[in-house]
Amino acid sequence: MTLLLKDPAALLDYAVDWGADYLNEDEIVTSTWSVEPDEPGGLAVISSEFGLLGTSVKVGGGVVGRLYRLANHVRFVTQREDTRSILLRVEDR
């Protein structure tokens, strides 16, 4: 899991390269992003995209001093599923 800093006013993009690890000609068919904790004024998913081997998300907001888990859950053509997470700490920068 990666830990990154984010300003609450920043609108930032994050990506996961699923093809770099083990896909071996498999392809992503669905991708969903979630944030924990889910709270008013907290980190919010603005938009997301995915391709055959990678996913991306745009996030905004967040409460200063809070730690958020931004998780990407994908399903592949072969019906395999997996989740990768990014930890974001929100701080005034």
PDB file of N, CA and C in Angstrom:
ATOM      1  N   MET A   1       0.837  -1.164   0.000  1.00  0.00           N
ATOM      2  CA  MET A   1       0.000   0.000   0.000  1.00  0.00           C
ATOM      3  C   MET A   1       0.891   1.239   0.000  1.00  0.00           C
ATOM      4  N   THR A   2       0.532   2.212  -0.786  1.00  0.00           N
ATOM      5  CA  THR A   2       1.291   3.437  -0.924  1.00  0.00           C
ATOM      6  C   THR A   2       0.675   4.527  -0.046  1.00  0.00           C
ATOM      7  N   LEU A   3       1.502   5.337   0.642  1.00  0.00           N
ATOM      8  CA  LEU A   3       1.018   6.471   1.435  1.00  0.00           C
ATOM      9  C   LEU A   3       1.427   7.755   0.740  1.00  0.00           C
ATOM     10  N   LEU A   4       0.442   8.604   0.436  1.00  0.00           N
ATOM     11  CA  LEU A   4       0.680   9.871  -0.236  1.00  0.00           C
ATOM     12  C   LEU A   4       0.006  10.996   0.531  1.00  0.00           C
ATOM     13  N   LEU A   5       0.522  12.233   0.366  1.00  0.00           N
ATOM     14  CA  LEU A   5      -0.083  13.410   0.981  1.00  0.00           C
ATOM     15  C   LEU A   5      -0.943  14.130  -0.043  1.00  0.00           C
ATOM     16  N   LYS A   6      -2.048  14.720   0.434  1.00  0.00           N
ATOM     17  CA  LYS A   6      -2.953  15.456  -0.438  1.00  0.00           C
ATOM     18  C   LYS A   6      -3.469  16.685   0.288  1.00  0.00           C
ATOM     19  N   ASP A   7      -3.470  17.823  -0.385  1.00  0.00           N
ATOM     20  CA  ASP A   7      -4.067  19.041   0.146  1.00  0.00           C
ATOM     21  C   ASP A   7      -5.584  18.945  -0.030  1.00  0.00           C
ATOM     22  N   PRO A   8      -6.375  19.434   0.932  1.00  0.00           N
ATOM     23  CA  PRO A   8      -7.828  19.326   0.796  1.00  0.00           C
ATOM     24  C   PRO A   8      -8.389  20.096  -0.408  1.00  0.00           C
ATOM     25  N   ALA A   9      -7.686  21.117  -0.874  1.00  0.00           N
ATOM     26  CA  ALA A   9      -8.155  21.901  -2.018  1.00  0.00           C
ATOM     27  C   ALA A   9      -7.724  21.303  -3.357  1.00  0.00           C
ATOM     28  N   ALA A  10      -6.830  20.328  -3.335  1.00  0.00           N
ATOM     29  CA  ALA A  10      -6.298  19.752  -4.575  1.00  0.00           C
ATOM     30  C   ALA A  10      -7.276  18.763  -5.195  1.00  0.00           C
ATOM     31  N   LEU A  11      -7.331  18.781  -6.511  1.00  0.00           N
ATOM     32  CA  LEU A  11      -8.074  17.804  -7.302  1.00  0.00           C
ATOM     33  C   LEU A  11      -7.008  17.003  -8.040  1.00  0.00           C
ATOM     34  N   LEU A  12      -6.800  15.732  -7.629  1.00  0.00           N
ATOM     35  CA  LEU A  12      -5.659  14.954  -8.118  1.00  0.00           C
ATOM     36  C   LEU A  12      -6.074  13.631  -8.748  1.00  0.00           C
ATOM     37  N   ASP A  13      -5.222  13.160  -9.674  1.00  0.00           N
ATOM     38  CA  ASP A  13      -5.421  11.877 -10.339  1.00  0.00           C
ATOM     39  C   ASP A  13      -4.461  10.837  -9.766  1.00  0.00           C
ATOM     40  N   TYR A  14      -4.967   9.616  -9.607  1.00  0.00           N
ATOM     41  CA  TYR A  14      -4.157   8.476  -9.169  1.00  0.00           C
ATOM     42  C   TYR A  14      -4.440   7.320 -10.114  1.00  0.00           C
ATOM     43  N   ALA A  15      -3.463   6.435 -10.284  1.00  0.00           N
ATOM     44  CA  ALA A  15      -3.619   5.330 -11.233  1.00  0.00           C
ATOM     45  C   ALA A  15      -3.053   4.036 -10.663  1.00  0.00           C
ATOM     46  N   VAL A  16      -3.600   2.928 -11.154  1.00  0.00           N
ATOM     47  CA  VAL A  16      -3.083   1.601 -10.830  1.00  0.00           C
ATOM     48  C   VAL A  16      -2.786   0.895 -12.147  1.00  0.00           C
ATOM     49  N   ASP A  17      -1.556   0.409 -12.303  1.00  0.00           N
ATOM     50  CA  ASP A  17      -1.151  -0.351 -13.482  1.00  0.00           C
ATOM     51  C   ASP A  17      -1.292  -1.829 -13.146  1.00  0.00           C
ATOM     52  N   TRP A  18      -2.426  -2.405 -13.498  1.00  0.00           N
ATOM     53  CA  TRP A  18      -2.692  -3.808 -13.196  1.00  0.00           C
ATOM     54  C   TRP A  18      -1.898  -4.745 -14.091  1.00  0.00           C
ATOM     55  N   GLY A  19      -1.511  -4.314 -15.270  1.00  0.00           N
ATOM     56  CA  GLY A  19      -0.802  -5.161 -16.208  1.00  0.00           C
ATOM     57  C   GLY A  19       0.630  -5.453 -15.817  1.00  0.00           C
ATOM     58  N   ALA A  20       1.204  -4.641 -14.951  1.00  0.00           N
ATOM     59  CA  ALA A  20       2.605  -4.801 -14.577  1.00  0.00           C
ATOM     60  C   ALA A  20       2.846  -6.031 -13.705  1.00  0.00           C
ATOM     61  N   ASP A  21       1.807  -6.562 -13.080  1.00  0.00           N
ATOM     62  CA  ASP A  21       2.029  -7.629 -12.117  1.00  0.00           C
ATOM     63  C   ASP A  21       1.804  -9.034 -12.645  1.00  0.00           C
ATOM     64  N   TYR A  22       0.604  -9.360 -13.033  1.00  0.00           N
ATOM     65  CA  TYR A  22       0.344 -10.770 -13.308  1.00  0.00           C
ATOM     66  C   TYR A  22      -0.752 -11.046 -14.325  1.00  0.00           C
ATOM     67  N   LEU A  23      -1.196 -10.083 -15.083  1.00  0.00           N
ATOM     68  CA  LEU A  23      -2.378 -10.300 -15.912  1.00  0.00           C
ATOM     69  C   LEU A  23      -2.185 -11.306 -17.035  1.00  0.00           C
ATOM     70  N   ASN A  24      -0.998 -11.396 -17.613  1.00  0.00           N
ATOM     71  CA  ASN A  24      -0.739 -12.400 -18.654  1.00  0.00           C
ATOM     72  C   ASN A  24      -1.889 -12.534 -19.650  1.00  0.00           C
ATOM     73  N   GLU A  25      -2.161 -11.490 -20.381  1.00  0.00           N
ATOM     74  CA  GLU A  25      -3.180 -11.439 -21.417  1.00  0.00           C
ATOM     75  C   GLU A  25      -4.609 -11.376 -20.883  1.00  0.00           C
ATOM     76  N   ASP A  26      -4.805 -11.275 -19.577  1.00  0.00           N
ATOM     77  CA  ASP A  26      -6.124 -11.050 -19.010  1.00  0.00           C
ATOM     78  C   ASP A  26      -6.461  -9.571 -19.185  1.00  0.00           C
ATOM     79  N   GLU A  27      -7.742  -9.206 -19.084  1.00  0.00           N
ATOM     80  CA  GLU A  27      -8.150  -7.816 -19.269  1.00  0.00           C
ATOM     81  C   GLU A  27      -9.167  -7.415 -18.220  1.00  0.00           C
ATOM     82  N   ILE A  28      -9.152  -6.151 -17.844  1.00  0.00           N
ATOM     83  CA  ILE A  28     -10.100  -5.612 -16.880  1.00  0.00           C
ATOM     84  C   ILE A  28     -11.457  -5.425 -17.566  1.00  0.00           C
ATOM     85  N   VAL A  29     -12.531  -5.879 -16.886  1.00  0.00           N
ATOM     86  CA  VAL A  29     -13.875  -5.666 -17.424  1.00  0.00           C
ATOM     87  C   VAL A  29     -14.716  -4.730 -16.551  1.00  0.00           C
ATOM     88  N   THR A  30     -14.396  -4.629 -15.260  1.00  0.00           N
ATOM     89  CA  THR A  30     -15.055  -3.654 -14.392  1.00  0.00           C
ATOM     90  C   THR A  30     -14.041  -3.089 -13.411  1.00  0.00           C
ATOM     91  N   SER A  31     -14.265  -1.848 -13.025  1.00  0.00           N
ATOM     92  CA  SER A  31     -13.406  -1.174 -12.052  1.00  0.00           C
ATOM     93  C   SER A  31     -14.265  -0.252 -11.203  1.00  0.00           C
ATOM     94  N   THR A  32     -14.164  -0.394  -9.884  1.00  0.00           N
ATOM     95  CA  THR A  32     -14.876   0.503  -8.976  1.00  0.00           C
ATOM     96  C   THR A  32     -13.891   1.039  -7.942  1.00  0.00           C
ATOM     97  N   TRP A  33     -14.103   2.274  -7.526  1.00  0.00           N
ATOM     98  CA  TRP A  33     -13.272   2.923  -6.516  1.00  0.00           C
ATOM     99  C   TRP A  33     -14.130   3.226  -5.288  1.00  0.00           C
ATOM    100  N   SER A  34     -13.534   3.084  -4.116  1.00  0.00           N
ATOM    101  CA  SER A  34     -14.234   3.415  -2.880  1.00  0.00           C
ATOM    102  C   SER A  34     -13.278   4.158  -1.948  1.00  0.00           C
ATOM    103  N   VAL A  35     -13.864   4.888  -1.003  1.00  0.00           N
ATOM    104  CA  VAL A  35     -13.091   5.661  -0.022  1.00  0.00           C
ATOM    105  C   VAL A  35     -13.550   5.267   1.372  1.00  0.00           C
ATOM    106  N   GLU A  36     -12.596   5.016   2.257  1.00  0.00           N
ATOM    107  CA  GLU A  36     -12.877   4.763   3.673  1.00  0.00           C
ATOM    108  C   GLU A  36     -12.007   5.686   4.503  1.00  0.00           C
ATOM    109  N   PRO A  37     -12.536   6.387   5.479  1.00  0.00           N
ATOM    110  CA  PRO A  37     -13.956   6.418   5.805  1.00  0.00           C
ATOM    111  C   PRO A  37     -14.739   7.282   4.820  1.00  0.00           C
ATOM    112  N   ASP A  38     -15.994   6.935   4.660  1.00  0.00           N
ATOM    113  CA  ASP A  38     -16.925   7.705   3.840  1.00  0.00           C
ATOM    114  C   ASP A  38     -17.613   8.673   4.792  1.00  0.00           C
ATOM    115  N   GLU A  39     -17.283   9.964   4.690  1.00  0.00           N
ATOM    116  CA  GLU A  39     -17.800  10.937   5.647  1.00  0.00           C
ATOM    117  C   GLU A  39     -18.118  12.263   4.954  1.00  0.00           C
ATOM    118  N   PRO A  40     -19.036  13.056   5.510  1.00  0.00           N
ATOM    119  CA  PRO A  40     -19.328  14.374   4.944  1.00  0.00           C
ATOM    120  C   PRO A  40     -18.070  15.238   4.920  1.00  0.00           C
ATOM    121  N   GLY A  41     -17.792  15.858   3.770  1.00  0.00           N
ATOM    122  CA  GLY A  41     -16.610  16.710   3.641  1.00  0.00           C
ATOM    123  C   GLY A  41     -15.325  15.927   3.452  1.00  0.00           C
ATOM    124  N   GLY A  42     -15.423  14.625   3.394  1.00  0.00           N
ATOM    125  CA  GLY A  42     -14.245  13.776   3.261  1.00  0.00           C
ATOM    126  C   GLY A  42     -13.771  13.653   1.824  1.00  0.00           C
ATOM    127  N   LEU A  43     -12.775  12.823   1.633  1.00  0.00           N
ATOM    128  CA  LEU A  43     -12.237  12.542   0.308  1.00  0.00           C
ATOM    129  C   LEU A  43     -13.360  12.016  -0.584  1.00  0.00           C
ATOM    130  N   ALA A  44     -13.424  12.517  -1.822  1.00  0.00           N
ATOM    131  CA  ALA A  44     -14.512  12.135  -2.721  1.00  0.00           C
ATOM    132  C   ALA A  44     -13.973  11.737  -4.084  1.00  0.00           C
ATOM    133  N   VAL A  45     -14.521  10.671  -4.639  1.00  0.00           N
ATOM    134  CA  VAL A  45     -14.209  10.255  -6.004  1.00  0.00           C
ATOM    135  C   VAL A  45     -15.003  11.160  -6.946  1.00  0.00           C
ATOM    136  N   ILE A  46     -14.294  11.887  -7.813  1.00  0.00           N
ATOM    137  CA  ILE A  46     -14.921  12.794  -8.770  1.00  0.00           C
ATOM    138  C   ILE A  46     -15.239  12.063 -10.072  1.00  0.00           C
ATOM    139  N   SER A  47     -14.283  11.279 -10.564  1.00  0.00           N
ATOM    140  CA  SER A  47     -14.482  10.508 -11.786  1.00  0.00           C
ATOM    141  C   SER A  47     -13.471   9.372 -11.812  1.00  0.00           C
ATOM    142  N   SER A  48     -13.735   8.380 -12.676  1.00  0.00           N
ATOM    143  CA  SER A  48     -12.797   7.270 -12.823  1.00  0.00           C
ATOM    144  C   SER A  48     -12.886   6.715 -14.237  1.00  0.00           C
ATOM    145  N   GLU A  49     -11.811   6.044 -14.649  1.00  0.00           N
ATOM    146  CA  GLU A  49     -11.725   5.420 -15.964  1.00  0.00           C
ATOM    147  C   GLU A  49     -10.952   4.125 -15.836  1.00  0.00           C
ATOM    148  N   PHE A  50     -11.116   3.247 -16.840  1.00  0.00           N
ATOM    149  CA  PHE A  50     -10.262   2.062 -16.892  1.00  0.00           C
ATOM    150  C   PHE A  50     -10.084   1.635 -18.338  1.00  0.00           C
ATOM    151  N   GLY A  51      -8.970   0.952 -18.563  1.00  0.00           N
ATOM    152  CA  GLY A  51      -8.652   0.377 -19.856  1.00  0.00           C
ATOM    153  C   GLY A  51      -8.401  -1.099 -19.669  1.00  0.00           C
ATOM    154  N   LEU A  52      -7.791  -1.723 -20.643  1.00  0.00           N
ATOM    155  CA  LEU A  52      -7.568  -3.167 -20.574  1.00  0.00           C
ATOM    156  C   LEU A  52      -6.649  -3.574 -19.433  1.00  0.00           C
ATOM    157  N   LEU A  53      -5.653  -2.727 -19.114  1.00  0.00           N
ATOM    158  CA  LEU A  53      -4.648  -3.108 -18.117  1.00  0.00           C
ATOM    159  C   LEU A  53      -4.453  -2.101 -16.994  1.00  0.00           C
ATOM    160  N   GLY A  54      -5.201  -0.998 -16.996  1.00  0.00           N
ATOM    161  CA  GLY A  54      -4.980   0.016 -15.978  1.00  0.00           C
ATOM    162  C   GLY A  54      -6.245   0.762 -15.614  1.00  0.00           C
ATOM    163  N   THR A  55      -6.208   1.409 -14.445  1.00  0.00           N
ATOM    164  CA  THR A  55      -7.333   2.187 -13.950  1.00  0.00           C
ATOM    165  C   THR A  55      -6.841   3.537 -13.463  1.00  0.00           C
ATOM    166  N   SER A  56      -7.740   4.521 -13.418  1.00  0.00           N
ATOM    167  CA  SER A  56      -7.377   5.830 -12.862  1.00  0.00           C
ATOM    168  C   SER A  56      -8.598   6.437 -12.190  1.00  0.00           C
ATOM    169  N   VAL A  57      -8.319   7.355 -11.280  1.00  0.00           N
ATOM    170  CA  VAL A  57      -9.383   8.011 -10.521  1.00  0.00           C
ATOM    171  C   VAL A  57      -8.984   9.450 -10.248  1.00  0.00           C
ATOM    172  N   LYS A  58      -9.969  10.347 -10.206  1.00  0.00           N
ATOM    173  CA  LYS A  58      -9.749  11.736  -9.824  1.00  0.00           C
ATOM    174  C   LYS A  58     -10.464  11.938  -8.494  1.00  0.00           C
ATOM    175  N   VAL A  59      -9.727  12.458  -7.494  1.00  0.00           N
ATOM    176  CA  VAL A  59     -10.317  12.665  -6.171  1.00  0.00           C
ATOM    177  C   VAL A  59     -10.124  14.106  -5.722  1.00  0.00           C
ATOM    178  N   GLY A  60     -11.015  14.543  -4.857  1.00  0.00           N
ATOM    179  CA  GLY A  60     -10.936  15.881  -4.297  1.00  0.00           C
ATOM    180  C   GLY A  60     -11.362  15.861  -2.843  1.00  0.00           C
ATOM    181  N   GLY A  61     -11.164  17.006  -2.183  1.00  0.00           N
ATOM    182  CA  GLY A  61     -11.628  17.176  -0.809  1.00  0.00           C
ATOM    183  C   GLY A  61     -10.777  16.461   0.219  1.00  0.00           C
ATOM    184  N   GLY A  62     -11.404  16.193   1.344  1.00  0.00           N
ATOM    185  CA  GLY A  62     -10.730  15.548   2.458  1.00  0.00           C
ATOM    186  C   GLY A  62     -10.649  16.468   3.664  1.00  0.00           C
ATOM    187  N   VAL A  63     -10.662  15.882   4.833  1.00  0.00           N
ATOM    188  CA  VAL A  63     -10.563  16.611   6.093  1.00  0.00           C
ATOM    189  C   VAL A  63      -9.105  16.615   6.538  1.00  0.00           C
ATOM    190  N   VAL A  64      -8.570  17.806   6.832  1.00  0.00           N
ATOM    191  CA  VAL A  64      -7.176  17.931   7.261  1.00  0.00           C
ATOM    192  C   VAL A  64      -6.924  17.050   8.490  1.00  0.00           C
ATOM    193  N   GLY A  65      -5.819  16.301   8.423  1.00  0.00           N
ATOM    194  CA  GLY A  65      -5.428  15.421   9.517  1.00  0.00           C
ATOM    195  C   GLY A  65      -5.971  14.010   9.402  1.00  0.00           C
ATOM    196  N   ARG A  66      -6.854  13.764   8.448  1.00  0.00           N
ATOM    197  CA  ARG A  66      -7.448  12.440   8.298  1.00  0.00           C
ATOM    198  C   ARG A  66      -6.642  11.573   7.336  1.00  0.00           C
ATOM    199  N   LEU A  67      -6.707  10.280   7.569  1.00  0.00           N
ATOM    200  CA  LEU A  67      -6.094   9.271   6.709  1.00  0.00           C
ATOM    201  C   LEU A  67      -7.223   8.524   6.004  1.00  0.00           C
ATOM    202  N   TYR A  68      -7.136   8.445   4.676  1.00  0.00           N
ATOM    203  CA  TYR A  68      -8.167   7.788   3.877  1.00  0.00           C
ATOM    204  C   TYR A  68      -7.566   6.617   3.112  1.00  0.00           C
ATOM    205  N   ARG A  69      -8.385   5.594   2.937  1.00  0.00           N
ATOM    206  CA  ARG A  69      -8.010   4.453   2.104  1.00  0.00           C
ATOM    207  C   ARG A  69      -8.815   4.565   0.815  1.00  0.00           C
ATOM    208  N   LEU A  70      -8.107   4.760  -0.297  1.00  0.00           N
ATOM    209  CA  LEU A  70      -8.700   4.829  -1.626  1.00  0.00           C
ATOM    210  C   LEU A  70      -8.467   3.466  -2.265  1.00  0.00           C
ATOM    211  N   ALA A  71      -9.529   2.706  -2.473  1.00  0.00           N
ATOM    212  CA  ALA A  71      -9.397   1.320  -2.945  1.00  0.00           C
ATOM    213  C   ALA A  71      -9.978   1.150  -4.340  1.00  0.00           C
ATOM    214  N   ASN A  72      -9.263   0.393  -5.174  1.00  0.00           N
ATOM    215  CA  ASN A  72      -9.707   0.068  -6.529  1.00  0.00           C
ATOM    216  C   ASN A  72      -9.960  -1.434  -6.611  1.00  0.00           C
ATOM    217  N   HIS A  73     -11.209  -1.791  -6.866  1.00  0.00           N
ATOM    218  CA  HIS A  73     -11.584  -3.200  -7.012  1.00  0.00           C
ATOM    219  C   HIS A  73     -11.859  -3.458  -8.490  1.00  0.00           C
ATOM    220  N   VAL A  74     -11.210  -4.480  -9.040  1.00  0.00           N
ATOM    221  CA  VAL A  74     -11.391  -4.808 -10.452  1.00  0.00           C
ATOM    222  C   VAL A  74     -11.798  -6.266 -10.624  1.00  0.00           C
ATOM    223  N   ARG A  75     -12.503  -6.514 -11.738  1.00  0.00           N
ATOM    224  CA  ARG A  75     -12.815  -7.878 -12.167  1.00  0.00           C
ATOM    225  C   ARG A  75     -12.261  -8.034 -13.574  1.00  0.00           C
ATOM    226  N   PHE A  76     -11.708  -9.206 -13.858  1.00  0.00           N
ATOM    227  CA  PHE A  76     -11.060  -9.481 -15.130  1.00  0.00           C
ATOM    228  C   PHE A  76     -11.925 -10.389 -16.000  1.00  0.00           C
ATOM    229  N   VAL A  77     -11.583 -10.508 -17.266  1.00  0.00           N
ATOM    230  CA  VAL A  77     -12.285 -11.375 -18.210  1.00  0.00           C
ATOM    231  C   VAL A  77     -12.396 -12.795 -17.656  1.00  0.00           C
ATOM    232  N   THR A  78     -11.356 -13.264 -17.011  1.00  0.00           N
ATOM    233  CA  THR A  78     -11.330 -14.629 -16.472  1.00  0.00           C
ATOM    234  C   THR A  78     -12.127 -14.781 -15.177  1.00  0.00           C
ATOM    235  N   GLN A  79     -12.824 -13.721 -14.769  1.00  0.00           N
ATOM    236  CA  GLN A  79     -13.623 -13.682 -13.546  1.00  0.00           C
ATOM    237  C   GLN A  79     -12.789 -13.584 -12.264  1.00  0.00           C
ATOM    238  N   ARG A  80     -11.474 -13.451 -12.403  1.00  0.00           N
ATOM    239  CA  ARG A  80     -10.656 -13.173 -11.220  1.00  0.00           C
ATOM    240  C   ARG A  80     -10.992 -11.770 -10.745  1.00  0.00           C
ATOM    241  N   GLU A  81     -10.803 -11.516  -9.431  1.00  0.00           N
ATOM    242  CA  GLU A  81     -11.029 -10.200  -8.850  1.00  0.00           C
ATOM    243  C   GLU A  81      -9.878  -9.862  -7.917  1.00  0.00           C
ATOM    244  N   ASP A  82      -9.623  -8.559  -7.762  1.00  0.00           N
ATOM    245  CA  ASP A  82      -8.552  -8.116  -6.863  1.00  0.00           C
ATOM    246  C   ASP A  82      -8.818  -6.671  -6.463  1.00  0.00           C
ATOM    247  N   THR A  83      -8.175  -6.243  -5.385  1.00  0.00           N
ATOM    248  CA  THR A  83      -8.280  -4.872  -4.896  1.00  0.00           C
ATOM    249  C   THR A  83      -6.897  -4.349  -4.560  1.00  0.00           C
ATOM    250  N   ARG A  84      -6.631  -3.116  -4.957  1.00  0.00           N
ATOM    251  CA  ARG A  84      -5.400  -2.415  -4.584  1.00  0.00           C
ATOM    252  C   ARG A  84      -5.789  -1.127  -3.879  1.00  0.00           C
ATOM    253  N   SER A  85      -4.980  -0.716  -2.906  1.00  0.00           N
ATOM    254  CA  SER A  85      -5.305   0.467  -2.114  1.00  0.00           C
ATOM    255  C   SER A  85      -4.181   1.488  -2.103  1.00  0.00           C
ATOM    256  N   ILE A  86      -4.586   2.740  -1.962  1.00  0.00           N
ATOM    257  CA  ILE A  86      -3.675   3.873  -1.796  1.00  0.00           C
ATOM    258  C   ILE A  86      -4.112   4.576  -0.520  1.00  0.00           C
ATOM    259  N   LEU A  87      -3.174   4.852   0.368  1.00  0.00           N
ATOM    260  CA  LEU A  87      -3.477   5.618   1.569  1.00  0.00           C
ATOM    261  C   LEU A  87      -3.170   7.084   1.307  1.00  0.00           C
ATOM    262  N   LEU A  88      -4.127   7.948   1.621  1.00  0.00           N
ATOM    263  CA  LEU A  88      -3.953   9.383   1.430  1.00  0.00           C
ATOM    264  C   LEU A  88      -4.128  10.084   2.772  1.00  0.00           C
ATOM    265  N   ARG A  89      -3.126  10.829   3.166  1.00  0.00           N
ATOM    266  CA  ARG A  89      -3.228  11.669   4.363  1.00  0.00           C
ATOM    267  C   ARG A  89      -3.464  13.102   3.882  1.00  0.00           C
ATOM    268  N   VAL A  90      -4.500  13.726   4.390  1.00  0.00           N
ATOM    269  CA  VAL A  90      -4.851  15.081   3.966  1.00  0.00           C
ATOM    270  C   VAL A  90      -4.189  16.085   4.912  1.00  0.00           C
ATOM    271  N   GLU A  91      -3.416  16.978   4.310  1.00  0.00           N
ATOM    272  CA  GLU A  91      -2.712  18.027   5.071  1.00  0.00           C
ATOM    273  C   GLU A  91      -2.700  19.304   4.244  1.00  0.00           C
ATOM    274  N   ASP A  92      -2.773  20.450   4.927  1.00  0.00           N
ATOM    275  CA  ASP A  92      -2.595  21.724   4.231  1.00  0.00           C
ATOM    276  C   ASP A  92      -1.175  21.765   3.727  1.00  0.00           C
ATOM    277  N   ARG A  93      -1.004  22.025   2.431  1.00  0.00           N
ATOM    278  CA  ARG A  93       0.339  22.012   1.850  1.00  0.00           C
ATOM    279  C   ARG A  93       0.629  23.336   1.202  1.00  0.00           C
TER     280      ARG A  93
END
